[in-house]
Amino acid sequence: MDKKDDVLVRRKAISEIVSQREVQDQHELVDLLSELYGIKTNQSVVSRDLRVLGINKRSVGDMLVYTPEALDCEKAMVRRAVKEVVHNNSVILIKTEPGFATMVSNYLENGDLRLLGTLAGENTVFVVPVQAKEIKKLVKKICTLVGLKK
């Protein structure tokens, strides 16, 4: 197994552990990885893995335990629906899978973006920023939000 496979195996094990047990600290998680999966690691690696996996401490009863991030279905659908984000100096154009433009438009308008507004068709969303000079920053935020690299 190469390093990339080791990382994936370790992260899968971490996800399984925190889904099945109430783990209160990273040292406990290091011990469980070793005990249950034979994975030798340290606290700093586990800390980075938890951050990458979106696993945070949450209050469960009177304890703080690591729990997986709740699945955001709308965000997942938007990420699958958006195919492309392009822009000129005044307007952003988002191409979506057919039938998803309205959902993507609503998602963007309900987000924390500075928009003048959006207009959705069948598979296209026009996004008008509040200020055209901020269009590149807005495109970057939208791409991050929808899981595209820009």
Protein backbone atom coordinates (compact mmCIF):
# COMPACT_ATOMS: atom_id res chain seq x y z
CA MET A 1 0.00 0.00 0.00
CA ASP A 2 1.31 3.48 -0.80
CA LYS A 3 1.01 6.58 1.42
CA LYS A 4 -2.18 7.77 -0.28
CA ASP A 5 -3.86 4.43 0.42
CA ASP A 6 -2.67 4.57 4.04
CA VAL A 7 -4.24 8.00 4.46
CA LEU A 8 -7.53 6.84 2.96
CA VAL A 9 -7.62 3.72 5.15
CA ARG A 10 -6.82 5.75 8.27
CA ARG A 11 -9.49 8.36 7.49
CA LYS A 12 -12.09 5.68 6.81
CA ALA A 13 -11.23 4.06 10.14
CA ILE A 14 -11.54 7.41 11.93
CA SER A 15 -14.97 7.99 10.37
CA GLU A 16 -16.12 4.53 11.43
CA ILE A 17 -14.86 4.95 14.98
CA VAL A 18 -16.52 8.33 15.60
CA SER A 19 -19.75 7.06 14.02
CA GLN A 20 -19.89 4.08 16.38
CA ARG A 21 -18.35 5.38 19.62
CA GLU A 22 -18.32 8.48 21.79
CA VAL A 23 -14.70 9.60 21.44
CA GLN A 24 -13.82 12.54 23.68
CA ASP A 25 -10.23 13.34 22.70
CA GLN A 26 -7.64 12.76 20.00
CA HIS A 27 -5.36 10.61 22.16
CA GLU A 28 -8.27 8.23 22.73
CA LEU A 29 -8.79 8.12 18.96
CA VAL A 30 -5.08 7.34 18.40
CA ASP A 31 -5.39 4.43 20.87
CA LEU A 32 -8.58 3.13 19.19
CA LEU A 33 -6.98 3.26 15.73
CA SER A 34 -4.15 1.10 17.02
CA GLU A 35 -6.36 -1.27 19.01
CA LEU A 36 -9.17 -1.76 16.46
CA TYR A 37 -7.38 -1.35 13.12
CA GLY A 38 -3.69 -1.83 13.84
CA ILE A 39 -3.03 1.71 12.57
CA LYS A 40 -0.06 3.39 14.25
CA THR A 41 -0.25 7.18 14.14
CA ASN A 42 0.00 10.23 16.37
CA GLN A 43 -2.23 13.01 17.66
CA SER A 44 -1.12 15.66 15.14
CA VAL A 45 -1.94 13.40 12.16
CA VAL A 46 -5.34 12.56 13.70
CA SER A 47 -6.01 16.27 14.25
CA ARG A 48 -5.37 16.99 10.56
CA ASP A 49 -7.53 14.03 9.49
CA LEU A 50 -10.42 15.20 11.68
CA ARG A 51 -10.25 18.66 10.08
CA VAL A 52 -10.16 17.23 6.54
CA LEU A 53 -13.09 14.91 7.31
CA GLY A 54 -15.18 17.73 8.79
CA ILE A 55 -15.40 15.95 12.14
CA ASN A 56 -15.82 18.31 15.08
CA LYS A 57 -16.65 18.06 18.75
CA ARG A 58 -20.31 18.42 19.58
CA SER A 59 -22.24 18.25 22.79
CA VAL A 60 -23.88 14.87 23.33
CA GLY A 61 -25.62 14.82 26.67
CA ASP A 62 -23.11 16.16 29.17
CA MET A 63 -20.03 15.24 27.07
CA LEU A 64 -18.19 16.76 24.14
CA VAL A 65 -17.52 14.04 21.57
CA TYR A 66 -16.30 13.87 17.98
CA THR A 67 -19.16 13.47 15.52
CA PRO A 68 -19.24 13.45 11.71
CA GLU A 69 -20.55 16.57 10.01
CA ALA A 70 -24.23 16.22 9.14
CA LEU A 71 -24.81 15.69 5.44
CA ASP A 72 -26.02 18.85 3.74
CA CYS A 73 -28.19 17.39 0.97
CA GLU A 74 -28.85 20.70 -0.77
CA LYS A 75 -25.14 21.51 -0.90
CA ALA A 76 -24.38 18.03 -2.25
CA MET A 77 -27.02 18.42 -4.96
CA VAL A 78 -25.72 21.86 -5.96
CA ARG A 79 -22.17 20.49 -6.21
CA ARG A 80 -23.37 17.72 -8.53
CA ALA A 81 -25.58 20.06 -10.59
CA VAL A 82 -23.03 22.77 -11.46
CA LYS A 83 -20.93 22.01 -14.53
CA GLU A 84 -19.16 25.30 -15.21
CA VAL A 85 -18.73 28.85 -13.90
CA VAL A 86 -17.56 31.58 -16.30
CA HIS A 87 -17.69 35.37 -16.23
CA ASN A 88 -16.94 38.60 -18.02
CA ASN A 89 -16.48 42.00 -16.40
CA SER A 90 -20.09 42.34 -15.24
CA VAL A 91 -21.97 39.01 -15.18
CA ILE A 92 -21.29 35.47 -13.99
CA LEU A 93 -22.75 32.55 -15.95
CA ILE A 94 -23.26 29.18 -14.27
CA LYS A 95 -24.02 26.15 -16.44
CA THR A 96 -25.92 23.36 -14.66
CA GLU A 97 -27.32 19.97 -15.45
CA PRO A 98 -30.74 20.37 -17.12
CA GLY A 99 -33.49 21.33 -14.67
CA PHE A 100 -31.22 22.40 -11.80
CA ALA A 101 -30.65 26.10 -12.52
CA THR A 102 -33.49 27.32 -10.26
CA MET A 103 -32.23 25.25 -7.33
CA VAL A 104 -28.67 26.56 -7.81
CA SER A 105 -29.98 30.12 -8.10
CA ASN A 106 -31.96 29.82 -4.86
CA TYR A 107 -28.98 28.26 -3.09
CA LEU A 108 -26.72 31.16 -4.11
CA GLU A 109 -29.29 33.81 -3.17
CA ASN A 110 -29.74 32.27 0.28
CA GLY A 111 -25.98 32.11 0.83
CA ASP A 112 -23.59 34.65 2.25
CA LEU A 113 -22.74 36.27 -1.10
CA ARG A 114 -22.99 39.89 -2.17
CA LEU A 115 -25.38 39.55 -5.13
CA LEU A 116 -27.61 42.06 -6.85
CA GLY A 117 -29.60 39.06 -8.01
CA THR A 118 -29.79 35.91 -10.11
CA LEU A 119 -31.84 34.80 -13.09
CA ALA A 120 -32.33 31.10 -13.77
CA GLY A 121 -33.38 29.25 -16.88
CA GLU A 122 -33.40 25.49 -17.52
CA ASN A 123 -29.65 24.92 -17.24
CA THR A 124 -28.18 28.41 -16.92
CA VAL A 125 -27.95 30.89 -14.05
CA PHE A 126 -26.98 34.52 -14.58
CA VAL A 127 -25.48 36.06 -11.45
CA VAL A 128 -25.14 39.83 -11.11
CA PRO A 129 -22.75 41.00 -8.40
CA VAL A 130 -23.43 44.09 -6.30
CA GLN A 131 -20.20 45.60 -7.64
CA ALA A 132 -18.57 44.55 -10.91
CA LYS A 133 -15.09 45.31 -9.53
CA GLU A 134 -15.55 42.42 -7.06
CA ILE A 135 -16.55 39.90 -9.72
CA LYS A 136 -13.34 37.82 -9.54
CA LYS A 137 -13.67 37.45 -5.75
CA LEU A 138 -17.32 36.46 -6.16
CA VAL A 139 -16.49 33.89 -8.84
CA LYS A 140 -13.88 32.38 -6.54
CA LYS A 141 -16.41 32.20 -3.66
CA ILE A 142 -19.04 30.61 -5.91
CA CYS A 143 -16.55 28.06 -7.23
CA THR A 144 -15.54 27.15 -3.69
CA LEU A 145 -19.20 26.88 -2.68
CA VAL A 146 -20.05 24.56 -5.58
CA GLY A 147 -16.84 22.53 -5.43
CA LEU A 148 -15.17 23.73 -8.63
CA LYS A 149 -11.53 24.83 -8.89
CA LYS A 150 -10.96 28.33 -10.24
